[in-house]
Amino acid sequence: MIRRPLTEITLKLDDLQEYEAMRRDQANNSSRNEMSETPRPLGNGAKTTEEVHNRIGYAPKKKSSGPSTTQS
């Protein structure tokens, strides 16, 4: 494996100010969204097995219900 020198990352004052402004904006937006959100109805969160299989694309093979042929 070829070794290469470490990459130096420099943090500039402009980058830091931009990051802080972005964090403040996100914090303000999230607090506004939390206050204005309408509560979702509490429905039955459980999904049927068929719904789950349809969502993930699983198609189990049906077992035949015919008589079994066992030899003694």
PDB file of N, CA and C in Angstrom:
ATOM      1  N   MET A   1       0.838  -1.159   0.000  1.00  0.00           N
ATOM      2  CA  MET A   1       0.000   0.000   0.000  1.00  0.00           C
ATOM      3  C   MET A   1       0.897   1.240   0.000  1.00  0.00           C
ATOM      4  N   ILE A   2       0.559   2.195  -0.826  1.00  0.00           N
ATOM      5  CA  ILE A   2       1.364   3.403  -0.932  1.00  0.00           C
ATOM      6  C   ILE A   2       0.959   4.374   0.170  1.00  0.00           C
ATOM      7  N   ARG A   3       1.937   4.848   0.875  1.00  0.00           N
ATOM      8  CA  ARG A   3       1.676   5.837   1.919  1.00  0.00           C
ATOM      9  C   ARG A   3       1.753   7.225   1.302  1.00  0.00           C
ATOM     10  N   ARG A   4       0.861   8.079   1.714  1.00  0.00           N
ATOM     11  CA  ARG A   4       0.895   9.439   1.226  1.00  0.00           C
ATOM     12  C   ARG A   4       0.905  10.393   2.418  1.00  0.00           C
ATOM     13  N   PRO A   5       1.368  11.604   2.200  1.00  0.00           N
ATOM     14  CA  PRO A   5       1.428  12.540   3.329  1.00  0.00           C
ATOM     15  C   PRO A   5       0.026  12.939   3.782  1.00  0.00           C
ATOM     16  N   LEU A   6      -0.078  13.340   5.033  1.00  0.00           N
ATOM     17  CA  LEU A   6      -1.348  13.754   5.591  1.00  0.00           C
ATOM     18  C   LEU A   6      -1.845  15.023   4.904  1.00  0.00           C
ATOM     19  N   THR A   7      -3.158  15.129   4.787  1.00  0.00           N
ATOM     20  CA  THR A   7      -3.762  16.308   4.197  1.00  0.00           C
ATOM     21  C   THR A   7      -4.032  17.319   5.304  1.00  0.00           C
ATOM     22  N   GLU A   8      -3.583  18.518   5.100  1.00  0.00           N
ATOM     23  CA  GLU A   8      -3.782  19.559   6.107  1.00  0.00           C
ATOM     24  C   GLU A   8      -5.082  20.290   5.828  1.00  0.00           C
ATOM     25  N   ILE A   9      -5.913  20.403   6.853  1.00  0.00           N
ATOM     26  CA  ILE A   9      -7.182  21.108   6.728  1.00  0.00           C
ATOM     27  C   ILE A   9      -7.089  22.356   7.584  1.00  0.00           C
ATOM     28  N   THR A  10      -7.317  23.499   6.961  1.00  0.00           N
ATOM     29  CA  THR A  10      -7.243  24.751   7.715  1.00  0.00           C
ATOM     30  C   THR A  10      -8.642  25.309   7.894  1.00  0.00           C
ATOM     31  N   LEU A  11      -8.916  25.783   9.083  1.00  0.00           N
ATOM     32  CA  LEU A  11     -10.210  26.370   9.400  1.00  0.00           C
ATOM     33  C   LEU A  11     -10.075  27.882   9.340  1.00  0.00           C
ATOM     34  N   LYS A  12     -10.859  28.490   8.488  1.00  0.00           N
ATOM     35  CA  LYS A  12     -10.812  29.944   8.324  1.00  0.00           C
ATOM     36  C   LYS A  12     -11.917  30.576   9.154  1.00  0.00           C
ATOM     37  N   LEU A  13     -11.740  31.826   9.514  1.00  0.00           N
ATOM     38  CA  LEU A  13     -12.720  32.540  10.320  1.00  0.00           C
ATOM     39  C   LEU A  13     -14.052  32.657   9.575  1.00  0.00           C
ATOM     40  N   ASP A  14     -14.007  32.864   8.273  1.00  0.00           N
ATOM     41  CA  ASP A  14     -15.232  32.962   7.476  1.00  0.00           C
ATOM     42  C   ASP A  14     -16.024  31.654   7.523  1.00  0.00           C
ATOM     43  N   ASP A  15     -15.305  30.535   7.460  1.00  0.00           N
ATOM     44  CA  ASP A  15     -15.968  29.234   7.516  1.00  0.00           C
ATOM     45  C   ASP A  15     -16.660  29.040   8.861  1.00  0.00           C
ATOM     46  N   LEU A  16     -15.991  29.432   9.931  1.00  0.00           N
ATOM     47  CA  LEU A  16     -16.549  29.289  11.268  1.00  0.00           C
ATOM     48  C   LEU A  16     -17.786  30.163  11.441  1.00  0.00           C
ATOM     49  N   GLN A  17     -17.751  31.391  10.948  1.00  0.00           N
ATOM     50  CA  GLN A  17     -18.902  32.282  11.048  1.00  0.00           C
ATOM     51  C   GLN A  17     -20.079  31.749  10.232  1.00  0.00           C
ATOM     52  N   GLU A  18     -19.787  31.218   9.053  1.00  0.00           N
ATOM     53  CA  GLU A  18     -20.846  30.652   8.216  1.00  0.00           C
ATOM     54  C   GLU A  18     -21.498  29.457   8.909  1.00  0.00           C
ATOM     55  N   TYR A  19     -20.679  28.614   9.539  1.00  0.00           N
ATOM     56  CA  TYR A  19     -21.185  27.439  10.246  1.00  0.00           C
ATOM     57  C   TYR A  19     -22.070  27.854  11.419  1.00  0.00           C
ATOM     58  N   GLU A  20     -21.641  28.831  12.202  1.00  0.00           N
ATOM     59  CA  GLU A  20     -22.431  29.288  13.344  1.00  0.00           C
ATOM     60  C   GLU A  20     -23.760  29.884  12.886  1.00  0.00           C
ATOM     61  N   ALA A  21     -23.753  30.653  11.797  1.00  0.00           N
ATOM     62  CA  ALA A  21     -24.991  31.235  11.281  1.00  0.00           C
ATOM     63  C   ALA A  21     -25.944  30.129  10.820  1.00  0.00           C
ATOM     64  N   MET A  22     -25.410  29.113  10.173  1.00  0.00           N
ATOM     65  CA  MET A  22     -26.228  28.002   9.702  1.00  0.00           C
ATOM     66  C   MET A  22     -26.847  27.257  10.893  1.00  0.00           C
ATOM     67  N   ARG A  23     -26.068  27.033  11.947  1.00  0.00           N
ATOM     68  CA  ARG A  23     -26.591  26.350  13.137  1.00  0.00           C
ATOM     69  C   ARG A  23     -27.709  27.157  13.786  1.00  0.00           C
ATOM     70  N   ARG A  24     -27.540  28.473  13.867  1.00  0.00           N
ATOM     71  CA  ARG A  24     -28.577  29.315  14.455  1.00  0.00           C
ATOM     72  C   ARG A  24     -29.862  29.249  13.629  1.00  0.00           C
ATOM     73  N   ASP A  25     -29.722  29.308  12.305  1.00  0.00           N
ATOM     74  CA  ASP A  25     -30.894  29.232  11.425  1.00  0.00           C
ATOM     75  C   ASP A  25     -31.618  27.905  11.600  1.00  0.00           C
ATOM     76  N   GLN A  26     -30.878  26.820  11.657  1.00  0.00           N
ATOM     77  CA  GLN A  26     -31.494  25.504  11.823  1.00  0.00           C
ATOM     78  C   GLN A  26     -32.182  25.399  13.172  1.00  0.00           C
ATOM     79  N   ALA A  27     -31.578  25.940  14.214  1.00  0.00           N
ATOM     80  CA  ALA A  27     -32.187  25.892  15.546  1.00  0.00           C
ATOM     81  C   ALA A  27     -33.475  26.698  15.563  1.00  0.00           C
ATOM     82  N   ASN A  28     -33.475  27.863  14.927  1.00  0.00           N
ATOM     83  CA  ASN A  28     -34.683  28.687  14.879  1.00  0.00           C
ATOM     84  C   ASN A  28     -35.779  27.995  14.082  1.00  0.00           C
ATOM     85  N   ASN A  29     -35.422  27.411  12.961  1.00  0.00           N
ATOM     86  CA  ASN A  29     -36.416  26.727  12.129  1.00  0.00           C
ATOM     87  C   ASN A  29     -36.995  25.510  12.833  1.00  0.00           C
ATOM     88  N   SER A  30     -36.166  24.757  13.526  1.00  0.00           N
ATOM     89  CA  SER A  30     -36.665  23.561  14.200  1.00  0.00           C
ATOM     90  C   SER A  30     -37.588  23.933  15.363  1.00  0.00           C
ATOM     91  N   SER A  31     -37.267  25.018  16.081  1.00  0.00           N
ATOM     92  CA  SER A  31     -38.131  25.406  17.197  1.00  0.00           C
ATOM     93  C   SER A  31     -39.473  25.920  16.677  1.00  0.00           C
ATOM     94  N   ARG A  32     -39.477  26.597  15.542  1.00  0.00           N
ATOM     95  CA  ARG A  32     -40.736  27.048  14.944  1.00  0.00           C
ATOM     96  C   ARG A  32     -41.561  25.863  14.479  1.00  0.00           C
ATOM     97  N   ASN A  33     -40.906  24.886  13.868  1.00  0.00           N
ATOM     98  CA  ASN A  33     -41.622  23.707  13.366  1.00  0.00           C
ATOM     99  C   ASN A  33     -42.227  22.896  14.499  1.00  0.00           C
ATOM    100  N   GLU A  34     -41.520  22.794  15.609  1.00  0.00           N
ATOM    101  CA  GLU A  34     -42.033  22.015  16.736  1.00  0.00           C
ATOM    102  C   GLU A  34     -43.284  22.666  17.311  1.00  0.00           C
ATOM    103  N   MET A  35     -43.314  23.988  17.340  1.00  0.00           N
ATOM    104  CA  MET A  35     -44.458  24.685  17.913  1.00  0.00           C
ATOM    105  C   MET A  35     -45.652  24.651  16.971  1.00  0.00           C
ATOM    106  N   SER A  36     -45.432  24.659  15.672  1.00  0.00           N
ATOM    107  CA  SER A  36     -46.540  24.743  14.721  1.00  0.00           C
ATOM    108  C   SER A  36     -47.008  23.383  14.221  1.00  0.00           C
ATOM    109  N   GLU A  37     -46.326  22.319  14.587  1.00  0.00           N
ATOM    110  CA  GLU A  37     -46.728  20.994  14.113  1.00  0.00           C
ATOM    111  C   GLU A  37     -48.048  20.584  14.724  1.00  0.00           C
ATOM    112  N   THR A  38     -48.901  19.993  13.905  1.00  0.00           N
ATOM    113  CA  THR A  38     -50.138  19.437  14.431  1.00  0.00           C
ATOM    114  C   THR A  38     -49.879  17.990  14.808  1.00  0.00           C
ATOM    115  N   PRO A  39     -50.419  17.548  15.909  1.00  0.00           N
ATOM    116  CA  PRO A  39     -50.169  16.169  16.317  1.00  0.00           C
ATOM    117  C   PRO A  39     -50.808  15.191  15.336  1.00  0.00           C
ATOM    118  N   ARG A  40     -50.089  14.136  15.068  1.00  0.00           N
ATOM    119  CA  ARG A  40     -50.593  13.104  14.172  1.00  0.00           C
ATOM    120  C   ARG A  40     -51.574  12.219  14.924  1.00  0.00           C
ATOM    121  N   PRO A  41     -52.582  11.716  14.234  1.00  0.00           N
ATOM    122  CA  PRO A  41     -53.518  10.821  14.910  1.00  0.00           C
ATOM    123  C   PRO A  41     -52.811   9.536  15.336  1.00  0.00           C
ATOM    124  N   LEU A  42     -53.202   9.057  16.481  1.00  0.00           N
ATOM    125  CA  LEU A  42     -52.601   7.835  16.993  1.00  0.00           C
ATOM    126  C   LEU A  42     -53.376   6.635  16.473  1.00  0.00           C
ATOM    127  N   GLY A  43     -53.044   6.222  15.282  1.00  0.00           N
ATOM    128  CA  GLY A  43     -53.702   5.069  14.690  1.00  0.00           C
ATOM    129  C   GLY A  43     -53.007   3.801  15.128  1.00  0.00           C
ATOM    130  N   ASN A  44     -53.474   2.702  14.634  1.00  0.00           N
ATOM    131  CA  ASN A  44     -52.846   1.431  14.943  1.00  0.00           C
ATOM    132  C   ASN A  44     -51.526   1.361  14.197  1.00  0.00           C
ATOM    133  N   GLY A  45     -50.426   1.423  14.912  1.00  0.00           N
ATOM    134  CA  GLY A  45     -49.107   1.439  14.303  1.00  0.00           C
ATOM    135  C   GLY A  45     -48.681   0.077  13.770  1.00  0.00           C
ATOM    136  N   ALA A  46     -49.343  -0.972  14.210  1.00  0.00           N
ATOM    137  CA  ALA A  46     -48.969  -2.311  13.784  1.00  0.00           C
ATOM    138  C   ALA A  46     -49.446  -2.558  12.359  1.00  0.00           C
ATOM    139  N   LYS A  47     -48.590  -3.122  11.554  1.00  0.00           N
ATOM    140  CA  LYS A  47     -48.925  -3.443  10.171  1.00  0.00           C
ATOM    141  C   LYS A  47     -49.204  -4.942  10.088  1.00  0.00           C
ATOM    142  N   THR A  48     -50.083  -5.284   9.179  1.00  0.00           N
ATOM    143  CA  THR A  48     -50.332  -6.704   8.993  1.00  0.00           C
ATOM    144  C   THR A  48     -49.156  -7.315   8.251  1.00  0.00           C
ATOM    145  N   THR A  49     -49.018  -8.598   8.377  1.00  0.00           N
ATOM    146  CA  THR A  49     -47.925  -9.290   7.711  1.00  0.00           C
ATOM    147  C   THR A  49     -48.012  -9.106   6.208  1.00  0.00           C
ATOM    148  N   GLU A  50     -49.213  -9.118   5.677  1.00  0.00           N
ATOM    149  CA  GLU A  50     -49.387  -8.948   4.234  1.00  0.00           C
ATOM    150  C   GLU A  50     -48.937  -7.564   3.775  1.00  0.00           C
ATOM    151  N   GLU A  51     -49.254  -6.516   4.544  1.00  0.00           N
ATOM    152  CA  GLU A  51     -48.834  -5.166   4.197  1.00  0.00           C
ATOM    153  C   GLU A  51     -47.312  -5.047   4.196  1.00  0.00           C
ATOM    154  N   VAL A  52     -46.682  -5.647   5.190  1.00  0.00           N
ATOM    155  CA  VAL A  52     -45.225  -5.602   5.275  1.00  0.00           C
ATOM    156  C   VAL A  52     -44.612  -6.330   4.090  1.00  0.00           C
ATOM    157  N   HIS A  53     -45.135  -7.503   3.760  1.00  0.00           N
ATOM    158  CA  HIS A  53     -44.600  -8.263   2.634  1.00  0.00           C
ATOM    159  C   HIS A  53     -44.761  -7.502   1.329  1.00  0.00           C
ATOM    160  N   ASN A  54     -45.903  -6.848   1.138  1.00  0.00           N
ATOM    161  CA  ASN A  54     -46.116  -6.073  -0.080  1.00  0.00           C
ATOM    162  C   ASN A  54     -45.146  -4.904  -0.157  1.00  0.00           C
ATOM    163  N   ARG A  55     -44.893  -4.261   0.963  1.00  0.00           N
ATOM    164  CA  ARG A  55     -44.016  -3.093   0.968  1.00  0.00           C
ATOM    165  C   ARG A  55     -42.583  -3.472   0.625  1.00  0.00           C
ATOM    166  N   ILE A  56     -42.110  -4.597   1.136  1.00  0.00           N
ATOM    167  CA  ILE A  56     -40.721  -4.983   0.887  1.00  0.00           C
ATOM    168  C   ILE A  56     -40.569  -5.875  -0.332  1.00  0.00           C
ATOM    169  N   GLY A  57     -41.683  -6.254  -0.966  1.00  0.00           N
ATOM    170  CA  GLY A  57     -41.605  -7.050  -2.184  1.00  0.00           C
ATOM    171  C   GLY A  57     -41.381  -8.530  -1.924  1.00  0.00           C
ATOM    172  N   TYR A  58     -41.782  -9.011  -0.782  1.00  0.00           N
ATOM    173  CA  TYR A  58     -41.611 -10.420  -0.447  1.00  0.00           C
ATOM    174  C   TYR A  58     -42.869 -11.173  -0.841  1.00  0.00           C
ATOM    175  N   ALA A  59     -42.696 -12.234  -1.616  1.00  0.00           N
ATOM    176  CA  ALA A  59     -43.838 -13.044  -2.044  1.00  0.00           C
ATOM    177  C   ALA A  59     -43.586 -14.492  -1.630  1.00  0.00           C
ATOM    178  N   PRO A  60     -44.059 -14.883  -0.438  1.00  0.00           N
ATOM    179  CA  PRO A  60     -43.834 -16.254   0.008  1.00  0.00           C
ATOM    180  C   PRO A  60     -44.630 -17.231  -0.859  1.00  0.00           C
ATOM    181  N   LYS A  61     -44.060 -18.416  -1.038  1.00  0.00           N
ATOM    182  CA  LYS A  61     -44.755 -19.442  -1.819  1.00  0.00           C
ATOM    183  C   LYS A  61     -45.824 -20.089  -0.954  1.00  0.00           C
ATOM    184  N   LYS A  62     -46.974 -20.287  -1.560  1.00  0.00           N
ATOM    185  CA  LYS A  62     -48.090 -20.909  -0.848  1.00  0.00           C
ATOM    186  C   LYS A  62     -47.832 -22.404  -0.710  1.00  0.00           C
ATOM    187  N   LYS A  63     -48.148 -22.930   0.459  1.00  0.00           N
ATOM    188  CA  LYS A  63     -48.004 -24.368   0.690  1.00  0.00           C
ATOM    189  C   LYS A  63     -49.224 -25.078   0.134  1.00  0.00           C
ATOM    190  N   SER A  64     -48.972 -26.216  -0.481  1.00  0.00           N
ATOM    191  CA  SER A  64     -50.114 -26.965  -1.005  1.00  0.00           C
ATOM    192  C   SER A  64     -50.844 -27.632   0.152  1.00  0.00           C
ATOM    193  N   SER A  65     -52.170 -27.674   0.057  1.00  0.00           N
ATOM    194  CA  SER A  65     -52.955 -28.236   1.143  1.00  0.00           C
ATOM    195  C   SER A  65     -53.451 -29.641   0.795  1.00  0.00           C
ATOM    196  N   GLY A  66     -52.812 -30.252  -0.173  1.00  0.00           N
ATOM    197  CA  GLY A  66     -53.200 -31.604  -0.580  1.00  0.00           C
ATOM    198  C   GLY A  66     -52.760 -32.644   0.427  1.00  0.00           C
ATOM    199  N   PRO A  67     -53.203 -33.876   0.230  1.00  0.00           N
ATOM    200  CA  PRO A  67     -52.828 -34.938   1.181  1.00  0.00           C
ATOM    201  C   PRO A  67     -51.313 -35.220   1.105  1.00  0.00           C
ATOM    202  N   SER A  68     -50.759 -35.511   2.231  1.00  0.00           N
ATOM    203  CA  SER A  68     -49.337 -35.797   2.261  1.00  0.00           C
ATOM    204  C   SER A  68     -49.137 -37.274   1.912  1.00  0.00           C
ATOM    205  N   THR A  69     -48.051 -37.540   1.246  1.00  0.00           N
ATOM    206  CA  THR A  69     -47.757 -38.930   0.875  1.00  0.00           C
ATOM    207  C   THR A  69     -46.538 -39.386   1.669  1.00  0.00           C
ATOM    208  N   THR A  70     -46.811 -39.995   2.807  1.00  0.00           N
ATOM    209  CA  THR A  70     -45.733 -40.513   3.632  1.00  0.00           C
ATOM    210  C   THR A  70     -45.717 -42.020   3.515  1.00  0.00           C
ATOM    211  N   GLN A  71     -44.552 -42.562   3.410  1.00  0.00           N
ATOM    212  CA  GLN A  71     -44.423 -44.013   3.299  1.00  0.00           C
ATOM    213  C   GLN A  71     -43.960 -44.563   4.638  1.00  0.00           C
ATOM    214  N   SER A  72     -44.544 -45.731   5.012  1.00  0.00           N
ATOM    215  CA  SER A  72     -44.136 -46.319   6.266  1.00  0.00           C
ATOM    216  C   SER A  72     -43.315 -47.549   6.065  1.00  0.00           C
TER     217      SER A  72
END
